[in-house]
Structure formats: C-alpha cells, structure tokens
C-alpha atoms as a PDB file:
ATOM      1  CA  MET A   1      -9.623  10.643   5.166  1.00  0.00           C
ATOM      2  CA  ASN A   2      -6.889  13.184   5.775  1.00  0.00           C
ATOM      3  CA  LYS A   3      -6.880  16.193   3.516  1.00  0.00           C
ATOM      4  CA  ILE A   4      -3.541  17.484   2.302  1.00  0.00           C
ATOM      5  CA  SER A   5      -2.635  21.119   1.708  1.00  0.00           C
ATOM      6  CA  LEU A   6      -1.063  22.018  -1.620  1.00  0.00           C
ATOM      7  CA  SER A   7       2.137  23.111   0.120  1.00  0.00           C
ATOM      8  CA  HIS A   8       2.426  19.698   1.847  1.00  0.00           C
ATOM      9  CA  TYR A   9       1.561  17.992  -1.451  1.00  0.00           C
ATOM     10  CA  SER A  10       4.415  19.754  -3.241  1.00  0.00           C
ATOM     11  CA  LYS A  11       6.859  18.486  -0.591  1.00  0.00           C
ATOM     12  CA  LEU A  12       5.509  14.922  -0.863  1.00  0.00           C
ATOM     13  CA  THR A  13       5.828  14.786  -4.631  1.00  0.00           C
ATOM     14  CA  GLN A  14       9.456  15.923  -4.721  1.00  0.00           C
ATOM     15  CA  ASN A  15      10.679  12.458  -3.705  1.00  0.00           C
ATOM     16  CA  HIS A  16       9.041   9.158  -4.668  1.00  0.00           C
ATOM     17  CA  LYS A  17      10.173   7.453  -1.415  1.00  0.00           C
ATOM     18  CA  ILE A  18       8.509  10.147   0.680  1.00  0.00           C
ATOM     19  CA  LEU A  19       5.387   9.921  -1.473  1.00  0.00           C
ATOM     20  CA  GLY A  20       5.337   6.118  -1.148  1.00  0.00           C
ATOM     21  CA  ASN A  21       5.782   6.213   2.626  1.00  0.00           C
ATOM     22  CA  TYR A  22       2.973   8.727   2.932  1.00  0.00           C
ATOM     23  CA  GLY A  23       0.745   6.526   0.761  1.00  0.00           C
ATOM     24  CA  GLU A  24       1.479   3.537   2.996  1.00  0.00           C
ATOM     25  CA  LYS A  25       0.580   5.599   6.055  1.00  0.00           C
ATOM     26  CA  LEU A  26      -2.762   6.513   4.461  1.00  0.00           C
ATOM     27  CA  ALA A  27      -3.329   2.872   3.463  1.00  0.00           C
ATOM     28  CA  VAL A  28      -2.770   1.743   7.066  1.00  0.00           C
ATOM     29  CA  GLN A  29      -5.326   4.294   8.297  1.00  0.00           C
ATOM     30  CA  TYR A  30      -7.781   3.113   5.640  1.00  0.00           C
ATOM     31  CA  ILE A  31      -7.297  -0.565   6.537  1.00  0.00           C
ATOM     32  CA  LYS A  32      -7.925   0.173  10.215  1.00  0.00           C
ATOM     33  CA  LYS A  33     -11.074   2.168   9.403  1.00  0.00           C
ATOM     34  CA  THR A  34     -12.489  -0.892   7.623  1.00  0.00           C
ATOM     35  CA  GLY A  35     -12.098  -2.919  10.819  1.00  0.00           C
ATOM     36  CA  SER A  36      -9.136  -4.939   9.590  1.00  0.00           C
ATOM     37  CA  LYS A  37      -5.999  -5.278  11.693  1.00  0.00           C
ATOM     38  CA  VAL A  38      -2.533  -4.304  10.505  1.00  0.00           C
ATOM     39  CA  LEU A  39      -0.061  -6.941  11.696  1.00  0.00           C
ATOM     40  CA  TYR A  40       3.181  -5.706  10.142  1.00  0.00           C
ATOM     41  CA  ARG A  41       4.503  -2.930   7.916  1.00  0.00           C
ATOM     42  CA  ASN A  42       7.376  -3.311   5.486  1.00  0.00           C
ATOM     43  CA  PHE A  43       7.982  -6.989   6.172  1.00  0.00           C
ATOM     44  CA  LYS A  44      11.396  -7.958   4.772  1.00  0.00           C
ATOM     45  CA  PRO A  45      12.121 -11.702   4.869  1.00  0.00           C
ATOM     46  CA  TYR A  46      15.830 -11.032   4.319  1.00  0.00           C
ATOM     47  CA  ASP A  47      15.881  -9.330   7.738  1.00  0.00           C
ATOM     48  CA  PHE A  48      15.269 -12.857   9.051  1.00  0.00           C
ATOM     49  CA  GLY A  49      17.800 -14.537   6.763  1.00  0.00           C
ATOM     50  CA  ALA A  50      15.239 -15.689   4.211  1.00  0.00           C
ATOM     51  CA  LYS A  51      14.609 -14.919   0.552  1.00  0.00           C
ATOM     52  CA  GLY A  52      11.667 -12.979  -0.747  1.00  0.00           C
ATOM     53  CA  GLY A  53      10.460  -9.516  -1.521  1.00  0.00           C
ATOM     54  CA  GLU A  54       9.288  -6.848   0.854  1.00  0.00           C
ATOM     55  CA  ILE A  55       5.596  -6.790   1.695  1.00  0.00           C
ATOM     56  CA  ASP A  56       4.279  -3.300   2.372  1.00  0.00           C
ATOM     57  CA  ILE A  57       1.511  -4.383   4.747  1.00  0.00           C
ATOM     58  CA  VAL A  58       0.482  -7.683   6.293  1.00  0.00           C
ATOM     59  CA  ALA A  59      -3.047  -7.444   7.647  1.00  0.00           C
ATOM     60  CA  ARG A  60      -5.861  -9.604   8.938  1.00  0.00           C
ATOM     61  CA  ASP A  61      -9.169  -8.987   7.184  1.00  0.00           C
ATOM     62  CA  GLU A  62     -11.716 -11.012   9.154  1.00  0.00           C
ATOM     63  CA  ASP A  63     -10.256 -14.546   9.081  1.00  0.00           C
ATOM     64  CA  THR A  64      -8.006 -13.971   6.056  1.00  0.00           C
ATOM     65  CA  LEU A  65      -4.364 -12.935   6.031  1.00  0.00           C
ATOM     66  CA  ALA A  66      -3.808 -10.203   3.434  1.00  0.00           C
ATOM     67  CA  PHE A  67      -0.421  -9.465   1.899  1.00  0.00           C
ATOM     68  CA  ILE A  68      -0.819  -5.946   0.562  1.00  0.00           C
ATOM     69  CA  GLU A  69       1.235  -3.982  -1.944  1.00  0.00           C
ATOM     70  CA  VAL A  70       0.653  -0.222  -1.793  1.00  0.00           C
ATOM     71  CA  LYS A  71       1.220   1.992  -4.821  1.00  0.00           C
ATOM     72  CA  THR A  72       0.929   5.765  -4.548  1.00  0.00           C
ATOM     73  CA  ARG A  73       0.583   8.143  -7.475  1.00  0.00           C
ATOM     74  CA  SER A  74       0.416  11.905  -7.812  1.00  0.00           C
ATOM     75  CA  SER A  75      -1.409  11.707 -11.146  1.00  0.00           C
ATOM     76  CA  TYR A  76      -3.866   9.498 -13.011  1.00  0.00           C
ATOM     77  CA  HIS A  77      -1.485   9.221 -15.974  1.00  0.00           C
ATOM     78  CA  LYS A  78      -0.882   5.505 -15.303  1.00  0.00           C
ATOM     79  CA  ARG A  79      -2.921   3.278 -13.036  1.00  0.00           C
ATOM     80  CA  ALA A  80      -0.952   2.372  -9.900  1.00  0.00           C
ATOM     81  CA  TYR A  81      -2.360  -1.180 -10.015  1.00  0.00           C
ATOM     82  CA  ASP A  82      -0.494  -1.837 -13.264  1.00  0.00           C
ATOM     83  CA  ALA A  83       2.877  -1.223 -11.574  1.00  0.00           C
ATOM     84  CA  VAL A  84       2.507  -4.540  -9.752  1.00  0.00           C
ATOM     85  CA  ASP A  85       3.738  -6.688 -12.635  1.00  0.00           C
ATOM     86  CA  LYS A  86       4.442 -10.450 -12.639  1.00  0.00           C
ATOM     87  CA  THR A  87       8.003  -9.916 -11.369  1.00  0.00           C
ATOM     88  CA  LYS A  88       6.822  -7.787  -8.427  1.00  0.00           C
ATOM     89  CA  GLN A  89       4.073 -10.327  -7.709  1.00  0.00           C
ATOM     90  CA  SER A  90       6.654 -13.105  -7.626  1.00  0.00           C
ATOM     91  CA  TYR A  91       8.777 -11.238  -5.046  1.00  0.00           C
ATOM     92  CA  ILE A  92       5.728 -10.573  -2.877  1.00  0.00           C
ATOM     93  CA  LYS A  93       4.664 -14.223  -3.081  1.00  0.00           C
ATOM     94  CA  LYS A  94       8.138 -15.348  -1.996  1.00  0.00           C
ATOM     95  CA  GLY A  95       7.990 -13.009   0.994  1.00  0.00           C
ATOM     96  CA  ALA A  96       4.512 -14.251   1.872  1.00  0.00           C
ATOM     97  CA  SER A  97       5.716 -17.842   1.593  1.00  0.00           C
ATOM     98  CA  TYR A  98       8.242 -17.199   4.356  1.00  0.00           C
ATOM     99  CA  TRP A  99       5.591 -15.567   6.576  1.00  0.00           C
ATOM    100  CA  LEU A 100       3.210 -18.509   6.047  1.00  0.00           C
ATOM    101  CA  ARG A 101       5.944 -21.076   6.734  1.00  0.00           C
ATOM    102  CA  GLU A 102       6.723 -19.386  10.046  1.00  0.00           C
ATOM    103  CA  LEU A 103       3.059 -19.569  11.135  1.00  0.00           C
ATOM    104  CA  LYS A 104       3.297 -23.356  11.163  1.00  0.00           C
ATOM    105  CA  GLN A 105      -0.438 -23.641  10.521  1.00  0.00           C
ATOM    106  CA  ALA A 106      -2.621 -23.271   7.465  1.00  0.00           C
ATOM    107  CA  VAL A 107      -4.569 -20.026   7.227  1.00  0.00           C
ATOM    108  CA  PRO A 108      -6.576 -18.500   4.389  1.00  0.00           C
ATOM    109  CA  TYR A 109      -4.595 -15.763   2.663  1.00  0.00           C
ATOM    110  CA  ARG A 110      -4.678 -13.542  -0.389  1.00  0.00           C
ATOM    111  CA  PHE A 111      -2.710 -10.873  -2.234  1.00  0.00           C
ATOM    112  CA  ASP A 112      -4.159  -7.360  -2.432  1.00  0.00           C
ATOM    113  CA  ILE A 113      -3.195  -4.041  -3.954  1.00  0.00           C
ATOM    114  CA  ILE A 114      -4.052  -0.681  -2.463  1.00  0.00           C
ATOM    115  CA  GLU A 115      -3.804   2.281  -4.811  1.00  0.00           C
ATOM    116  CA  VAL A 116      -3.422   5.732  -3.275  1.00  0.00           C
ATOM    117  CA  TYR A 117      -3.950   8.747  -5.527  1.00  0.00           C
ATOM    118  CA  LEU A 118      -2.940  12.201  -4.349  1.00  0.00           C
ATOM    119  CA  VAL A 119      -4.106  14.296  -7.263  1.00  0.00           C
ATOM    120  CA  PRO A 120      -5.056  17.966  -7.015  1.00  0.00           C
ATOM    121  CA  GLN A 121      -8.202  18.889  -8.900  1.00  0.00           C
ATOM    122  CA  GLU A 122      -7.930  21.702 -11.424  1.00  0.00           C
ATOM    123  CA  GLN A 123     -10.325  23.906  -9.485  1.00  0.00           C
ATOM    124  CA  GLU A 124      -8.055  23.474  -6.426  1.00  0.00           C
ATOM    125  CA  ALA A 125      -5.250  25.610  -7.812  1.00  0.00           C
ATOM    126  CA  GLN A 126      -5.555  28.075  -4.930  1.00  0.00           C
ATOM    127  CA  VAL A 127      -2.733  28.142  -2.418  1.00  0.00           C
ATOM    128  CA  ASP A 128      -4.956  27.123   0.506  1.00  0.00           C
ATOM    129  CA  ALA A 129      -6.754  24.308  -1.342  1.00  0.00           C
ATOM    130  CA  LEU A 130      -6.881  20.812   0.149  1.00  0.00           C
ATOM    131  CA  ILE A 131      -6.379  17.521  -1.671  1.00  0.00           C
ATOM    132  CA  VAL A 132      -8.515  14.565  -0.653  1.00  0.00           C
ATOM    133  CA  PRO A 133      -6.685  11.259  -1.207  1.00  0.00           C
ATOM    134  CA  GLU A 134      -8.462   8.589  -3.248  1.00  0.00           C
ATOM    135  CA  ILE A 135      -7.872   5.033  -2.069  1.00  0.00           C
ATOM    136  CA  ILE A 136      -8.796   1.864  -3.965  1.00  0.00           C
ATOM    137  CA  TRP A 137      -8.371  -1.514  -2.237  1.00  0.00           C
ATOM    138  CA  THR A 138      -8.437  -4.434  -4.665  1.00  0.00           C
ATOM    139  CA  LYS A 139      -8.719  -7.706  -2.785  1.00  0.00           C
ATOM    140  CA  ASN A 140      -7.460 -10.933  -4.418  1.00  0.00           C
ATOM    141  CA  ALA A 141      -5.590  -8.796  -6.940  1.00  0.00           C
ATOM    142  CA  PHE A 142      -3.246 -11.628  -7.990  1.00  0.00           C
END
C-alpha cells in the first residue's frame, strides 16, 4: 500500500473532497490487488437521466457485482462505516437498481463499504515520517 508523507497528508486533510478522492483512489488500488475488477468509478444514474444516488465504485468480485461506498477518515474518532446511514444506503440502492435494470439479466450483487483511514501514529511526528493507510473492506455491509 502507498505510504504518504506528512507534508502530503497535511494537504489531503485540508479539504474533505480531496481526502475522499484520495481514499477512493486507494480503494481502487486495493480492490485490484485482491483480484477483483473495477468496472466504474463515481457512477451517477442522473447522468443517464435516471434517479438514484452516486455509487463510488462498481466492481466485480469473482461472479458477484459489488456496489461499493468508500469512506475516508483522517482520525479514528468516528468509524467511517457508521457514516453510511439508512438514507445513504437508500440512495446507493436506487443507483444500483438503475445499473441492474440496464444489465437486462439477473446477476448476484451486494453492497459493500470500504473504510480508508489515513491516521498518523504519534511516534510519526517527525517531518519525514510516512503514514501507511489502513483499509477495511466490509462485504455485504447492508
């Protein structure tokens, strides 16, 4: 997994959009390393005139289609998983429904959450220290 310098980390954490995009990039790398295939990033059904929420990553994990929400945090204060509440789940499911309808065939699918933590350790307070991202992939999360 990519290590991050403290100077790069400070730039990432200044803006939650930048942090989230970086987390998604790390999640894509992680998914590929597991042998799964990323099919689409940031799928927005409304780009196709349909209703539904954005899906961060659509992937194929063996024979299963995975609709993945990625949450990135710069601290362990609150678990990233918990940010995917029932409302967020509903939006993701609506987006997935459009994707599945367009396939025109039944396929096994599930909803996953990938948590990305970019948290410096206390002993890494030196300027040249590197942060190792922690990634947790929860399959069938909801």
